[in-house]
PDB file of N, CA and C in Angstrom:
ATOM      1  N   MET A   1      78.887 -70.170 -49.952  1.00  0.00           N
ATOM      2  CA  MET A   1      78.442 -69.716 -51.249  1.00  0.00           C
ATOM      3  C   MET A   1      78.216 -68.215 -51.161  1.00  0.00           C
ATOM      4  N   ASN A   2      78.711 -67.489 -52.143  1.00  0.00           N
ATOM      5  CA  ASN A   2      78.461 -66.057 -52.294  1.00  0.00           C
ATOM      6  C   ASN A   2      77.777 -65.845 -53.630  1.00  0.00           C
ATOM      7  N   PHE A   3      76.889 -64.871 -53.684  1.00  0.00           N
ATOM      8  CA  PHE A   3      76.219 -64.585 -54.949  1.00  0.00           C
ATOM      9  C   PHE A   3      76.107 -63.082 -55.155  1.00  0.00           C
ATOM     10  N   MET A   4      76.041 -62.712 -56.436  1.00  0.00           N
ATOM     11  CA  MET A   4      75.948 -61.308 -56.800  1.00  0.00           C
ATOM     12  C   MET A   4      75.199 -61.198 -58.118  1.00  0.00           C
ATOM     13  N   GLU A   5      74.327 -60.210 -58.184  1.00  0.00           N
ATOM     14  CA  GLU A   5      73.641 -59.961 -59.448  1.00  0.00           C
ATOM     15  C   GLU A   5      74.680 -59.476 -60.452  1.00  0.00           C
ATOM     16  N   TRP A   6      74.681 -60.084 -61.605  1.00  0.00           N
ATOM     17  CA  TRP A   6      75.711 -59.865 -62.616  1.00  0.00           C
ATOM     18  C   TRP A   6      75.062 -59.384 -63.889  1.00  0.00           C
ATOM     19  N   ARG A   7      75.835 -58.954 -64.842  1.00  0.00           N
ATOM     20  CA  ARG A   7      75.288 -58.442 -66.108  1.00  0.00           C
ATOM     21  C   ARG A   7      74.308 -59.406 -66.762  1.00  0.00           C
ATOM     22  N   LYS A   8      74.654 -60.666 -66.791  1.00  0.00           N
ATOM     23  CA  LYS A   8      73.824 -61.656 -67.492  1.00  0.00           C
ATOM     24  C   LYS A   8      73.147 -62.612 -66.521  1.00  0.00           C
ATOM     25  N   GLY A   9      72.859 -62.179 -65.327  1.00  0.00           N
ATOM     26  CA  GLY A   9      72.198 -63.047 -64.370  1.00  0.00           C
ATOM     27  C   GLY A   9      72.826 -62.937 -62.993  1.00  0.00           C
ATOM     28  N   TRP A  10      72.959 -64.070 -62.340  1.00  0.00           N
ATOM     29  CA  TRP A  10      73.477 -64.145 -60.983  1.00  0.00           C
ATOM     30  C   TRP A  10      74.754 -64.966 -60.968  1.00  0.00           C
ATOM     31  N   ARG A  11      75.817 -64.389 -60.464  1.00  0.00           N
ATOM     32  CA  ARG A  11      77.122 -65.045 -60.388  1.00  0.00           C
ATOM     33  C   ARG A  11      77.275 -65.656 -59.000  1.00  0.00           C
ATOM     34  N   VAL A  12      77.607 -66.934 -58.943  1.00  0.00           N
ATOM     35  CA  VAL A  12      77.763 -67.648 -57.678  1.00  0.00           C
ATOM     36  C   VAL A  12      79.198 -68.130 -57.580  1.00  0.00           C
ATOM     37  N   SER A  13      79.823 -67.854 -56.445  1.00  0.00           N
ATOM     38  CA  SER A  13      81.182 -68.328 -56.192  1.00  0.00           C
ATOM     39  C   SER A  13      81.201 -69.043 -54.844  1.00  0.00           C
ATOM     40  N   PHE A  14      82.271 -69.759 -54.608  1.00  0.00           N
ATOM     41  CA  PHE A  14      82.376 -70.566 -53.401  1.00  0.00           C
ATOM     42  C   PHE A  14      83.733 -70.324 -52.756  1.00  0.00           C
ATOM     43  N   THR A  15      83.773 -70.420 -51.431  1.00  0.00           N
ATOM     44  CA  THR A  15      85.026 -70.277 -50.700  1.00  0.00           C
ATOM     45  C   THR A  15      85.229 -71.482 -49.791  1.00  0.00           C
ATOM     46  N   GLU A  16      86.473 -71.622 -49.370  1.00  0.00           N
ATOM     47  CA  GLU A  16      86.793 -72.628 -48.352  1.00  0.00           C
ATOM     48  C   GLU A  16      86.136 -72.194 -47.038  1.00  0.00           C
ATOM     49  N   ALA A  17      86.202 -73.045 -46.043  1.00  0.00           N
ATOM     50  CA  ALA A  17      85.598 -72.744 -44.748  1.00  0.00           C
ATOM     51  C   ALA A  17      86.205 -71.496 -44.102  1.00  0.00           C
ATOM     52  N   ASP A  18      87.426 -71.122 -44.501  1.00  0.00           N
ATOM     53  CA  ASP A  18      88.046 -69.916 -43.942  1.00  0.00           C
ATOM     54  C   ASP A  18      87.434 -68.624 -44.486  1.00  0.00           C
ATOM     55  N   CYS A  19      86.536 -68.732 -45.459  1.00  0.00           N
ATOM     56  CA  CYS A  19      85.841 -67.596 -46.093  1.00  0.00           C
ATOM     57  C   CYS A  19      86.783 -66.642 -46.812  1.00  0.00           C
ATOM     58  N   GLN A  20      88.018 -67.051 -47.072  1.00  0.00           N
ATOM     59  CA  GLN A  20      88.979 -66.203 -47.756  1.00  0.00           C
ATOM     60  C   GLN A  20      89.511 -66.842 -49.028  1.00  0.00           C
ATOM     61  N   THR A  21      89.658 -68.152 -49.009  1.00  0.00           N
ATOM     62  CA  THR A  21      90.227 -68.869 -50.144  1.00  0.00           C
ATOM     63  C   THR A  21      89.123 -69.226 -51.130  1.00  0.00           C
ATOM     64  N   SER A  22      89.189 -68.652 -52.324  1.00  0.00           N
ATOM     65  CA  SER A  22      88.171 -68.921 -53.343  1.00  0.00           C
ATOM     66  C   SER A  22      88.386 -70.280 -53.983  1.00  0.00           C
ATOM     67  N   LEU A  23      87.299 -70.967 -54.235  1.00  0.00           N
ATOM     68  CA  LEU A  23      87.346 -72.201 -55.016  1.00  0.00           C
ATOM     69  C   LEU A  23      87.220 -71.823 -56.485  1.00  0.00           C
ATOM     70  N   PRO A  24      87.833 -72.595 -57.390  1.00  0.00           N
ATOM     71  CA  PRO A  24      87.857 -72.199 -58.802  1.00  0.00           C
ATOM     72  C   PRO A  24      86.509 -72.233 -59.516  1.00  0.00           C
ATOM     73  N   ARG A  25      85.600 -73.092 -59.120  1.00  0.00           N
ATOM     74  CA  ARG A  25      84.335 -73.238 -59.831  1.00  0.00           C
ATOM     75  C   ARG A  25      83.428 -72.052 -59.567  1.00  0.00           C
ATOM     76  N   LYS A  26      82.931 -71.444 -60.636  1.00  0.00           N
ATOM     77  CA  LYS A  26      81.973 -70.344 -60.559  1.00  0.00           C
ATOM     78  C   LYS A  26      80.752 -70.743 -61.382  1.00  0.00           C
ATOM     79  N   LEU A  27      79.594 -70.318 -60.958  1.00  0.00           N
ATOM     80  CA  LEU A  27      78.359 -70.620 -61.671  1.00  0.00           C
ATOM     81  C   LEU A  27      77.637 -69.325 -61.998  1.00  0.00           C
ATOM     82  N   THR A  28      76.889 -69.317 -63.085  1.00  0.00           N
ATOM     83  CA  THR A  28      76.054 -68.177 -63.438  1.00  0.00           C
ATOM     84  C   THR A  28      74.649 -68.693 -63.733  1.00  0.00           C
ATOM     85  N   PHE A  29      73.669 -68.069 -63.098  1.00  0.00           N
ATOM     86  CA  PHE A  29      72.275 -68.444 -63.286  1.00  0.00           C
ATOM     87  C   PHE A  29      71.504 -67.247 -63.828  1.00  0.00           C
ATOM     88  N   ALA A  30      70.518 -67.503 -64.654  1.00  0.00           N
ATOM     89  CA  ALA A  30      69.709 -66.430 -65.234  1.00  0.00           C
ATOM     90  C   ALA A  30      68.837 -65.750 -64.177  1.00  0.00           C
ATOM     91  N   THR A  31      68.356 -66.516 -63.220  1.00  0.00           N
ATOM     92  CA  THR A  31      67.491 -65.981 -62.169  1.00  0.00           C
ATOM     93  C   THR A  31      67.996 -66.472 -60.813  1.00  0.00           C
ATOM     94  N   PRO A  32      67.561 -65.857 -59.735  1.00  0.00           N
ATOM     95  CA  PRO A  32      67.996 -66.313 -58.410  1.00  0.00           C
ATOM     96  C   PRO A  32      67.309 -67.602 -57.941  1.00  0.00           C
ATOM     97  N   ASP A  33      66.422 -68.153 -58.750  1.00  0.00           N
ATOM     98  CA  ASP A  33      65.711 -69.367 -58.345  1.00  0.00           C
ATOM     99  C   ASP A  33      66.668 -70.518 -58.037  1.00  0.00           C
ATOM    100  N   LYS A  34      67.726 -70.667 -58.808  1.00  0.00           N
ATOM    101  CA  LYS A  34      68.690 -71.754 -58.563  1.00  0.00           C
ATOM    102  C   LYS A  34      69.440 -71.529 -57.252  1.00  0.00           C
ATOM    103  N   ILE A  35      69.660 -70.277 -56.894  1.00  0.00           N
ATOM    104  CA  ILE A  35      70.299 -69.969 -55.615  1.00  0.00           C
ATOM    105  C   ILE A  35      69.385 -70.419 -54.478  1.00  0.00           C
ATOM    106  N   ARG A  36      68.108 -70.148 -54.613  1.00  0.00           N
ATOM    107  CA  ARG A  36      67.140 -70.589 -53.602  1.00  0.00           C
ATOM    108  C   ARG A  36      67.118 -72.116 -53.496  1.00  0.00           C
ATOM    109  N   ILE A  37      67.181 -72.788 -54.629  1.00  0.00           N
ATOM    110  CA  ILE A  37      67.171 -74.260 -54.626  1.00  0.00           C
ATOM    111  C   ILE A  37      68.411 -74.800 -53.918  1.00  0.00           C
ATOM    112  N   MET A  38      69.574 -74.197 -54.197  1.00  0.00           N
ATOM    113  CA  MET A  38      70.797 -74.640 -53.523  1.00  0.00           C
ATOM    114  C   MET A  38      70.677 -74.439 -52.019  1.00  0.00           C
ATOM    115  N   GLN A  39      70.108 -73.323 -51.597  1.00  0.00           N
ATOM    116  CA  GLN A  39      69.891 -73.069 -50.169  1.00  0.00           C
ATOM    117  C   GLN A  39      68.959 -74.122 -49.581  1.00  0.00           C
ATOM    118  N   GLN A  40      67.881 -74.430 -50.283  1.00  0.00           N
ATOM    119  CA  GLN A  40      66.921 -75.414 -49.785  1.00  0.00           C
ATOM    120  C   GLN A  40      67.549 -76.800 -49.655  1.00  0.00           C
ATOM    121  N   ARG A  41      68.388 -77.170 -50.614  1.00  0.00           N
ATOM    122  CA  ARG A  41      68.966 -78.517 -50.622  1.00  0.00           C
ATOM    123  C   ARG A  41      70.170 -78.667 -49.695  1.00  0.00           C
ATOM    124  N   PHE A  42      70.992 -77.607 -49.598  1.00  0.00           N
ATOM    125  CA  PHE A  42      72.271 -77.753 -48.920  1.00  0.00           C
ATOM    126  C   PHE A  42      72.502 -76.764 -47.780  1.00  0.00           C
ATOM    127  N   GLY A  43      71.566 -75.858 -47.542  1.00  0.00           N
ATOM    128  CA  GLY A  43      71.765 -74.828 -46.534  1.00  0.00           C
ATOM    129  C   GLY A  43      70.874 -75.016 -45.326  1.00  0.00           C
ATOM    130  N   SER A  44      70.986 -74.060 -44.432  1.00  0.00           N
ATOM    131  CA  SER A  44      70.197 -74.061 -43.208  1.00  0.00           C
ATOM    132  C   SER A  44      68.720 -73.837 -43.536  1.00  0.00           C
ATOM    133  N   GLN A  45      67.869 -74.483 -42.779  1.00  0.00           N
ATOM    134  CA  GLN A  45      66.427 -74.311 -42.973  1.00  0.00           C
ATOM    135  C   GLN A  45      65.818 -73.402 -41.910  1.00  0.00           C
ATOM    136  N   LEU A  46      66.677 -72.743 -41.127  1.00  0.00           N
ATOM    137  CA  LEU A  46      66.182 -71.799 -40.128  1.00  0.00           C
ATOM    138  C   LEU A  46      65.558 -70.592 -40.827  1.00  0.00           C
ATOM    139  N   LEU A  47      64.492 -70.088 -40.261  1.00  0.00           N
ATOM    140  CA  LEU A  47      63.784 -68.959 -40.867  1.00  0.00           C
ATOM    141  C   LEU A  47      64.696 -67.745 -41.026  1.00  0.00           C
ATOM    142  N   ASP A  48      65.545 -67.473 -40.030  1.00  0.00           N
ATOM    143  CA  ASP A  48      66.459 -66.326 -40.128  1.00  0.00           C
ATOM    144  C   ASP A  48      67.406 -66.468 -41.316  1.00  0.00           C
ATOM    145  N   ASP A  49      67.898 -67.678 -41.567  1.00  0.00           N
ATOM    146  CA  ASP A  49      68.809 -67.895 -42.688  1.00  0.00           C
ATOM    147  C   ASP A  49      68.089 -67.770 -44.026  1.00  0.00           C
ATOM    148  N   LYS A  50      66.871 -68.248 -44.086  1.00  0.00           N
ATOM    149  CA  LYS A  50      66.075 -68.101 -45.312  1.00  0.00           C
ATOM    150  C   LYS A  50      65.777 -66.624 -45.571  1.00  0.00           C
ATOM    151  N   ASN A  51      65.456 -65.888 -44.510  1.00  0.00           N
ATOM    152  CA  ASN A  51      65.193 -64.453 -44.657  1.00  0.00           C
ATOM    153  C   ASN A  51      66.453 -63.705 -45.089  1.00  0.00           C
ATOM    154  N   ALA A  52      67.601 -64.101 -44.556  1.00  0.00           N
ATOM    155  CA  ALA A  52      68.867 -63.465 -44.936  1.00  0.00           C
ATOM    156  C   ALA A  52      69.154 -63.706 -46.420  1.00  0.00           C
ATOM    157  N   LEU A  53      68.874 -64.902 -46.895  1.00  0.00           N
ATOM    158  CA  LEU A  53      69.064 -65.203 -48.311  1.00  0.00           C
ATOM    159  C   LEU A  53      68.162 -64.316 -49.163  1.00  0.00           C
ATOM    160  N   GLU A  54      66.907 -64.209 -48.788  1.00  0.00           N
ATOM    161  CA  GLU A  54      65.970 -63.375 -49.539  1.00  0.00           C
ATOM    162  C   GLU A  54      66.386 -61.904 -49.503  1.00  0.00           C
ATOM    163  N   HIS A  55      66.897 -61.455 -48.369  1.00  0.00           N
ATOM    164  CA  HIS A  55      67.380 -60.079 -48.288  1.00  0.00           C
ATOM    165  C   HIS A  55      68.560 -59.877 -49.242  1.00  0.00           C
ATOM    166  N   GLY A  56      69.495 -60.830 -49.249  1.00  0.00           N
ATOM    167  CA  GLY A  56      70.632 -60.748 -50.159  1.00  0.00           C
ATOM    168  C   GLY A  56      70.192 -60.684 -51.614  1.00  0.00           C
ATOM    169  N   ILE A  57      69.228 -61.503 -51.964  1.00  0.00           N
ATOM    170  CA  ILE A  57      68.709 -61.484 -53.338  1.00  0.00           C
ATOM    171  C   ILE A  57      68.079 -60.132 -53.632  1.00  0.00           C
ATOM    172  N   SER A  58      67.337 -59.576 -52.683  1.00  0.00           N
ATOM    173  CA  SER A  58      66.660 -58.297 -52.916  1.00  0.00           C
ATOM    174  C   SER A  58      67.639 -57.140 -53.112  1.00  0.00           C
ATOM    175  N   ILE A  59      68.834 -57.214 -52.502  1.00  0.00           N
ATOM    176  CA  ILE A  59      69.812 -56.134 -52.671  1.00  0.00           C
ATOM    177  C   ILE A  59      70.873 -56.463 -53.717  1.00  0.00           C
ATOM    178  N   GLY A  60      70.810 -57.678 -54.282  1.00  0.00           N
ATOM    179  CA  GLY A  60      71.706 -58.036 -55.371  1.00  0.00           C
ATOM    180  C   GLY A  60      73.009 -58.685 -54.976  1.00  0.00           C
ATOM    181  N   ARG A  61      73.186 -59.032 -53.691  1.00  0.00           N
ATOM    182  CA  ARG A  61      74.402 -59.725 -53.273  1.00  0.00           C
ATOM    183  C   ARG A  61      74.194 -60.328 -51.891  1.00  0.00           C
ATOM    184  N   GLY A  62      74.869 -61.434 -51.649  1.00  0.00           N
ATOM    185  CA  GLY A  62      74.744 -62.072 -50.350  1.00  0.00           C
ATOM    186  C   GLY A  62      75.501 -63.375 -50.307  1.00  0.00           C
ATOM    187  N   GLY A  63      75.205 -64.175 -49.304  1.00  0.00           N
ATOM    188  CA  GLY A  63      75.886 -65.445 -49.153  1.00  0.00           C
ATOM    189  C   GLY A  63      75.090 -66.384 -48.264  1.00  0.00           C
ATOM    190  N   ALA A  64      75.498 -67.635 -48.277  1.00  0.00           N
ATOM    191  CA  ALA A  64      74.853 -68.647 -47.442  1.00  0.00           C
ATOM    192  C   ALA A  64      75.849 -69.771 -47.194  1.00  0.00           C
ATOM    193  N   TRP A  65      75.767 -70.359 -46.022  1.00  0.00           N
ATOM    194  CA  TRP A  65      76.571 -71.536 -45.703  1.00  0.00           C
ATOM    195  C   TRP A  65      75.881 -72.762 -46.288  1.00  0.00           C
ATOM    196  N   LEU A  66      76.660 -73.618 -46.939  1.00  0.00           N
ATOM    197  CA  LEU A  66      76.129 -74.861 -47.491  1.00  0.00           C
ATOM    198  C   LEU A  66      76.842 -76.037 -46.845  1.00  0.00           C
ATOM    199  N   THR A  67      76.125 -77.132 -46.699  1.00  0.00           N
ATOM    200  CA  THR A  67      76.715 -78.380 -46.218  1.00  0.00           C
ATOM    201  C   THR A  67      76.776 -79.329 -47.403  1.00  0.00           C
ATOM    202  N   LEU A  68      78.000 -79.640 -47.841  1.00  0.00           N
ATOM    203  CA  LEU A  68      78.204 -80.451 -49.038  1.00  0.00           C
ATOM    204  C   LEU A  68      78.832 -81.792 -48.696  1.00  0.00           C
ATOM    205  N   THR A  69      78.623 -82.766 -49.563  1.00  0.00           N
ATOM    206  CA  THR A  69      79.339 -84.030 -49.430  1.00  0.00           C
ATOM    207  C   THR A  69      80.770 -83.819 -49.915  1.00  0.00           C
ATOM    208  N   GLU A  70      81.634 -84.741 -49.615  1.00  0.00           N
ATOM    209  CA  GLU A  70      83.024 -84.653 -50.080  1.00  0.00           C
ATOM    210  C   GLU A  70      83.080 -84.619 -51.602  1.00  0.00           C
ATOM    211  N   GLU A  71      82.241 -85.402 -52.260  1.00  0.00           N
ATOM    212  CA  GLU A  71      82.206 -85.422 -53.728  1.00  0.00           C
ATOM    213  C   GLU A  71      81.789 -84.058 -54.292  1.00  0.00           C
ATOM    214  N   GLN A  72      80.766 -83.452 -53.712  1.00  0.00           N
ATOM    215  CA  GLN A  72      80.325 -82.136 -54.171  1.00  0.00           C
ATOM    216  C   GLN A  72      81.430 -81.093 -53.965  1.00  0.00           C
ATOM    217  N   TYR A  73      82.070 -81.155 -52.821  1.00  0.00           N
ATOM    218  CA  TYR A  73      83.164 -80.229 -52.526  1.00  0.00           C
ATOM    219  C   TYR A  73      84.304 -80.398 -53.522  1.00  0.00           C
ATOM    220  N   GLN A  74      84.659 -81.618 -53.843  1.00  0.00           N
ATOM    221  CA  GLN A  74      85.747 -81.868 -54.794  1.00  0.00           C
ATOM    222  C   GLN A  74      85.400 -81.334 -56.183  1.00  0.00           C
ATOM    223  N   ARG A  75      84.148 -81.420 -56.570  1.00  0.00           N
ATOM    224  CA  ARG A  75      83.736 -80.868 -57.872  1.00  0.00           C
ATOM    225  C   ARG A  75      83.899 -79.353 -57.899  1.00  0.00           C
ATOM    226  N   LEU A  76      83.641 -78.691 -56.791  1.00  0.00           N
ATOM    227  CA  LEU A  76      83.831 -77.246 -56.730  1.00  0.00           C
ATOM    228  C   LEU A  76      85.312 -76.871 -56.787  1.00  0.00           C
ATOM    229  N   ARG A  77      86.172 -77.764 -56.378  1.00  0.00           N
ATOM    230  CA  ARG A  77      87.611 -77.493 -56.398  1.00  0.00           C
ATOM    231  C   ARG A  77      88.213 -77.662 -57.779  1.00  0.00           C
ATOM    232  N   GLN A  78      87.456 -78.236 -58.716  1.00  0.00           N
ATOM    233  CA  GLN A  78      87.948 -78.425 -60.091  1.00  0.00           C
ATOM    234  C   GLN A  78      87.571 -77.222 -60.936  1.00  0.00           C
ATOM    235  N   ARG A  79      88.402 -76.949 -61.912  1.00  0.00           N
ATOM    236  CA  ARG A  79      88.102 -75.846 -62.836  1.00  0.00           C
ATOM    237  C   ARG A  79      87.134 -76.301 -63.889  1.00  0.00           C
TER     238      ARG A  79
END
């Protein structure tokens, strides 16, 4: 998952495991709270990873590795 502060909130995009191939589904959130929730539910719970997420939010861009089910992954592959 990659995120960036956008004109109307926070833009979230997703890539394949190769970190180069973009998945078609994009999300936009009004606040970074949903990004934090996604990290809590599907990302690493290590303190360093949580701190990296917070740093990314503070500078307006960042990313996090998520662990998804096959169903969740397939939904991201749909437009």
